[in-house]
């Protein structure tokens, strides 16, 4: 009869550790999740103003969505700025 009495605290201890591990893992999951939209201060942005018949593009930033629904990357922003200035526009970094 004594072995069954000793197993009961072990089961409670195992349940305690399992509960602790689950709660600890859940708290890590909640604290480690971070939205990239919270801090957009480090994005590269350019303000592009046209001249003559070239219309203004306004402020364009990495991560914005263009007219075709594509996300603007650093490479596509660099190409857009280069082409815009090639045609006589001026782009200044924000």
N, C-alpha and C. Protein backbone atom coordinates (compact mmCIF):
# COMPACT_ATOMS: atom_id res chain seq x y z
N UNK A 1 0.81 -1.19 0.00
CA UNK A 1 0.00 0.00 0.00
C UNK A 1 0.85 1.26 0.00
N UNK A 2 1.99 1.20 0.55
CA UNK A 2 2.84 2.37 0.60
C UNK A 2 3.27 2.86 -0.78
N UNK A 3 3.56 1.99 -1.74
CA UNK A 3 3.96 2.51 -3.05
C UNK A 3 2.87 3.36 -3.71
N UNK A 4 1.61 3.03 -3.53
CA UNK A 4 0.56 3.84 -4.14
C UNK A 4 0.45 5.20 -3.47
N UNK A 5 0.74 5.27 -2.18
CA UNK A 5 0.72 6.55 -1.48
C UNK A 5 1.86 7.43 -1.99
N UNK A 6 3.00 6.85 -2.27
CA UNK A 6 4.14 7.63 -2.74
C UNK A 6 3.95 8.09 -4.19
N UNK A 7 3.19 7.38 -4.99
CA UNK A 7 3.00 7.77 -6.37
C UNK A 7 2.10 8.99 -6.50
N UNK A 8 1.20 9.17 -5.60
CA UNK A 8 0.29 10.30 -5.69
C UNK A 8 1.02 11.63 -5.64
N UNK A 9 1.94 11.90 -4.74
CA UNK A 9 2.67 13.16 -4.79
C UNK A 9 3.49 13.31 -6.06
N UNK A 10 4.02 12.21 -6.59
CA UNK A 10 4.78 12.27 -7.82
C UNK A 10 3.87 12.72 -8.95
N UNK A 11 2.65 12.22 -9.01
CA UNK A 11 1.71 12.64 -10.05
C UNK A 11 1.37 14.11 -9.91
N UNK A 12 1.18 14.57 -8.70
CA UNK A 12 0.91 15.99 -8.49
C UNK A 12 2.10 16.82 -8.89
N UNK A 13 3.30 16.35 -8.59
CA UNK A 13 4.51 17.07 -8.97
C UNK A 13 4.66 17.11 -10.49
N UNK A 14 4.41 16.00 -11.16
CA UNK A 14 4.47 15.97 -12.62
C UNK A 14 3.44 16.91 -13.23
N UNK A 15 2.26 16.94 -12.67
CA UNK A 15 1.23 17.85 -13.16
C UNK A 15 1.65 19.30 -12.95
N UNK A 16 2.28 19.57 -11.80
CA UNK A 16 2.77 20.92 -11.53
C UNK A 16 3.81 21.33 -12.57
N UNK A 17 4.77 20.46 -12.85
CA UNK A 17 5.82 20.78 -13.81
C UNK A 17 5.26 20.94 -15.23
N UNK A 18 4.34 20.08 -15.59
CA UNK A 18 3.72 20.19 -16.92
C UNK A 18 2.95 21.50 -17.06
N UNK A 19 2.22 21.86 -16.03
CA UNK A 19 1.48 23.11 -16.03
C UNK A 19 2.43 24.29 -16.10
N UNK A 20 3.50 24.21 -15.32
CA UNK A 20 4.50 25.28 -15.33
C UNK A 20 5.13 25.43 -16.71
N UNK A 21 5.50 24.34 -17.34
CA UNK A 21 6.12 24.39 -18.67
C UNK A 21 5.16 24.97 -19.70
N UNK A 22 3.91 24.57 -19.64
CA UNK A 22 2.92 25.10 -20.58
C UNK A 22 2.72 26.59 -20.38
N UNK A 23 2.56 27.02 -19.14
CA UNK A 23 2.37 28.45 -18.87
C UNK A 23 3.61 29.27 -19.22
N UNK A 24 4.78 28.74 -18.92
CA UNK A 24 6.02 29.44 -19.25
C UNK A 24 6.18 29.55 -20.77
N UNK A 25 5.90 28.49 -21.49
CA UNK A 25 5.99 28.52 -22.96
C UNK A 25 4.99 29.50 -23.54
N UNK A 26 3.79 29.52 -23.01
CA UNK A 26 2.77 30.45 -23.49
C UNK A 26 3.17 31.89 -23.23
N UNK A 27 3.76 32.15 -22.06
CA UNK A 27 4.19 33.52 -21.77
C UNK A 27 5.34 33.94 -22.68
N UNK A 28 6.25 33.04 -23.00
CA UNK A 28 7.32 33.35 -23.95
C UNK A 28 6.76 33.65 -25.33
N UNK A 29 5.77 32.88 -25.72
CA UNK A 29 5.15 33.10 -27.03
C UNK A 29 4.51 34.48 -27.09
N UNK A 30 3.81 34.86 -26.06
CA UNK A 30 3.15 36.16 -26.06
C UNK A 30 4.13 37.33 -26.03
N UNK A 31 5.21 37.17 -25.29
CA UNK A 31 6.15 38.28 -25.16
C UNK A 31 7.11 38.36 -26.35
N UNK A 32 7.31 37.27 -27.05
CA UNK A 32 8.25 37.29 -28.17
C UNK A 32 7.58 37.72 -29.47
N UNK A 33 6.26 37.69 -29.54
CA UNK A 33 5.57 38.13 -30.75
C UNK A 33 5.63 39.64 -30.83
N UNK A 34 6.10 40.14 -31.96
CA UNK A 34 6.22 41.58 -32.13
C UNK A 34 5.74 41.92 -33.52
N UNK A 35 4.92 42.91 -33.62
CA UNK A 35 4.44 43.35 -34.92
C UNK A 35 5.45 44.30 -35.54
N UNK A 36 5.79 44.08 -36.80
CA UNK A 36 6.71 44.96 -37.49
C UNK A 36 6.07 46.31 -37.80
N UNK A 37 4.76 46.38 -37.75
CA UNK A 37 4.08 47.63 -38.05
C UNK A 37 4.15 48.62 -36.90
N UNK A 38 4.57 48.15 -35.71
CA UNK A 38 4.63 49.04 -34.56
C UNK A 38 5.72 50.09 -34.69
N UNK A 39 6.81 49.74 -35.33
CA UNK A 39 7.94 50.67 -35.40
C UNK A 39 8.39 50.78 -36.85
N UNK A 40 7.89 51.78 -37.54
CA UNK A 40 8.25 51.99 -38.93
C UNK A 40 9.23 53.13 -39.09
N UNK A 41 9.89 53.54 -38.00
CA UNK A 41 10.80 54.67 -38.06
C UNK A 41 12.07 54.37 -38.83
N UNK A 42 12.44 53.10 -38.94
CA UNK A 42 13.68 52.75 -39.60
C UNK A 42 13.50 52.41 -41.08
N UNK A 43 12.32 52.65 -41.63
CA UNK A 43 12.08 52.37 -43.05
C UNK A 43 12.73 53.44 -43.91
N UNK A 44 13.20 53.02 -45.06
CA UNK A 44 13.76 53.98 -46.02
C UNK A 44 12.60 54.63 -46.77
N UNK A 45 12.58 55.96 -46.80
CA UNK A 45 11.52 56.70 -47.49
C UNK A 45 12.14 57.78 -48.36
N UNK A 46 11.52 58.03 -49.50
CA UNK A 46 11.94 59.10 -50.40
C UNK A 46 10.72 59.92 -50.78
N UNK A 47 10.93 61.24 -50.89
CA UNK A 47 9.89 62.13 -51.41
C UNK A 47 10.33 62.51 -52.81
N UNK A 48 9.52 62.15 -53.79
CA UNK A 48 9.87 62.37 -55.20
C UNK A 48 8.94 63.41 -55.81
N UNK A 49 9.54 64.51 -56.26
CA UNK A 49 8.80 65.60 -56.87
C UNK A 49 9.14 65.68 -58.35
N UNK A 50 8.12 65.77 -59.16
CA UNK A 50 8.32 65.84 -60.60
C UNK A 50 8.57 67.26 -61.07
N UNK A 51 9.04 67.36 -62.30
CA UNK A 51 9.24 68.68 -62.90
C UNK A 51 8.71 68.62 -64.33
N UNK A 52 8.13 69.71 -64.78
CA UNK A 52 7.56 69.74 -66.13
C UNK A 52 6.33 68.85 -66.22
N UNK A 53 6.34 67.91 -67.16
CA UNK A 53 5.19 67.02 -67.34
C UNK A 53 5.25 65.79 -66.42
N UNK A 54 6.31 65.66 -65.65
CA UNK A 54 6.47 64.53 -64.75
C UNK A 54 5.72 64.82 -63.44
N UNK A 55 4.76 63.96 -63.12
CA UNK A 55 3.95 64.22 -61.92
C UNK A 55 4.67 63.76 -60.66
N UNK A 56 4.30 64.36 -59.54
CA UNK A 56 4.89 64.02 -58.24
C UNK A 56 4.50 62.60 -57.84
N UNK A 57 5.45 61.88 -57.26
CA UNK A 57 5.15 60.56 -56.71
C UNK A 57 4.82 60.64 -55.23
N UNK A 58 5.18 61.74 -54.61
CA UNK A 58 4.94 61.88 -53.17
C UNK A 58 5.98 61.12 -52.39
N UNK A 59 5.62 60.71 -51.19
CA UNK A 59 6.53 59.97 -50.32
C UNK A 59 6.33 58.47 -50.56
N UNK A 60 7.44 57.80 -50.86
CA UNK A 60 7.42 56.35 -51.11
C UNK A 60 8.32 55.71 -50.07
N UNK A 61 7.83 54.69 -49.39
CA UNK A 61 8.59 54.02 -48.34
C UNK A 61 8.66 52.52 -48.60
N UNK A 62 9.72 51.91 -48.08
CA UNK A 62 9.84 50.45 -48.12
C UNK A 62 8.71 49.87 -47.28
N UNK A 63 8.02 48.89 -47.83
CA UNK A 63 6.90 48.26 -47.12
C UNK A 63 5.55 48.78 -47.55
N UNK A 64 5.51 49.89 -48.29
CA UNK A 64 4.24 50.40 -48.81
C UNK A 64 3.73 49.47 -49.90
N UNK A 65 2.46 49.57 -50.20
CA UNK A 65 1.84 48.79 -51.26
C UNK A 65 1.66 49.71 -52.47
N UNK A 66 2.14 49.26 -53.64
CA UNK A 66 2.01 50.09 -54.83
C UNK A 66 0.64 49.90 -55.48
N UNK A 67 0.42 50.54 -56.62
CA UNK A 67 -0.88 50.51 -57.30
C UNK A 67 -1.26 49.11 -57.77
N UNK A 68 -0.28 48.26 -57.99
CA UNK A 68 -0.54 46.90 -58.47
C UNK A 68 -0.69 45.90 -57.33
N UNK A 69 -0.62 46.37 -56.09
CA UNK A 69 -0.78 45.50 -54.93
C UNK A 69 0.50 44.83 -54.47
N UNK A 70 1.64 45.23 -55.03
CA UNK A 70 2.92 44.66 -54.64
C UNK A 70 3.55 45.48 -53.51
N UNK A 71 4.26 44.82 -52.62
CA UNK A 71 4.96 45.51 -51.54
C UNK A 71 6.27 46.07 -52.08
N UNK A 72 6.54 47.32 -51.75
CA UNK A 72 7.76 47.98 -52.21
C UNK A 72 8.93 47.49 -51.37
N UNK A 73 9.95 46.96 -52.04
CA UNK A 73 11.16 46.50 -51.37
C UNK A 73 12.24 47.56 -51.52
N UNK A 74 13.35 47.35 -50.83
CA UNK A 74 14.47 48.30 -50.94
C UNK A 74 14.98 48.37 -52.38
N UNK A 75 15.03 47.22 -53.04
CA UNK A 75 15.53 47.18 -54.42
C UNK A 75 14.58 47.91 -55.36
N UNK A 76 13.28 47.65 -55.22
CA UNK A 76 12.32 48.30 -56.12
C UNK A 76 12.26 49.80 -55.86
N UNK A 77 12.46 50.22 -54.61
CA UNK A 77 12.50 51.64 -54.29
C UNK A 77 13.72 52.30 -54.92
N UNK A 78 14.86 51.62 -54.86
CA UNK A 78 16.08 52.16 -55.47
C UNK A 78 15.93 52.30 -56.98
N UNK A 79 15.31 51.32 -57.60
CA UNK A 79 15.09 51.38 -59.06
C UNK A 79 14.13 52.51 -59.39
N UNK A 80 13.05 52.65 -58.62
CA UNK A 80 12.07 53.70 -58.88
C UNK A 80 12.69 55.08 -58.74
N UNK A 81 13.50 55.27 -57.71
CA UNK A 81 14.16 56.56 -57.50
C UNK A 81 15.13 56.84 -58.64
N UNK A 82 15.90 55.83 -59.07
CA UNK A 82 16.85 56.01 -60.17
C UNK A 82 16.15 56.38 -61.46
N UNK A 83 15.08 55.68 -61.79
CA UNK A 83 14.34 55.96 -63.03
C UNK A 83 13.68 57.33 -62.96
N UNK A 84 13.13 57.66 -61.81
CA UNK A 84 12.45 58.95 -61.66
C UNK A 84 13.43 60.11 -61.83
N UNK A 85 14.61 59.98 -61.23
CA UNK A 85 15.61 61.05 -61.38
C UNK A 85 16.19 61.07 -62.78
N UNK A 86 16.22 59.93 -63.44
CA UNK A 86 16.70 59.86 -64.83
C UNK A 86 15.80 60.69 -65.75
N UNK A 87 14.51 60.69 -65.47
CA UNK A 87 13.55 61.45 -66.29
C UNK A 87 13.36 62.89 -65.82
N UNK A 88 14.20 63.35 -64.89
CA UNK A 88 14.17 64.76 -64.51
C UNK A 88 13.51 65.06 -63.18
N UNK A 89 13.05 64.07 -62.47
CA UNK A 89 12.45 64.31 -61.15
C UNK A 89 13.54 64.40 -60.08
N UNK A 90 13.14 64.86 -58.93
CA UNK A 90 14.07 64.93 -57.80
C UNK A 90 13.51 64.14 -56.63
N UNK A 91 14.34 63.30 -56.05
CA UNK A 91 13.94 62.50 -54.91
C UNK A 91 14.88 62.80 -53.76
N UNK A 92 14.31 63.10 -52.61
CA UNK A 92 15.11 63.37 -51.42
C UNK A 92 14.74 62.35 -50.35
N UNK A 93 15.77 61.88 -49.66
CA UNK A 93 15.53 60.88 -48.62
C UNK A 93 14.89 61.54 -47.41
N UNK A 94 13.91 60.88 -46.85
CA UNK A 94 13.19 61.41 -45.69
C UNK A 94 13.75 60.85 -44.42
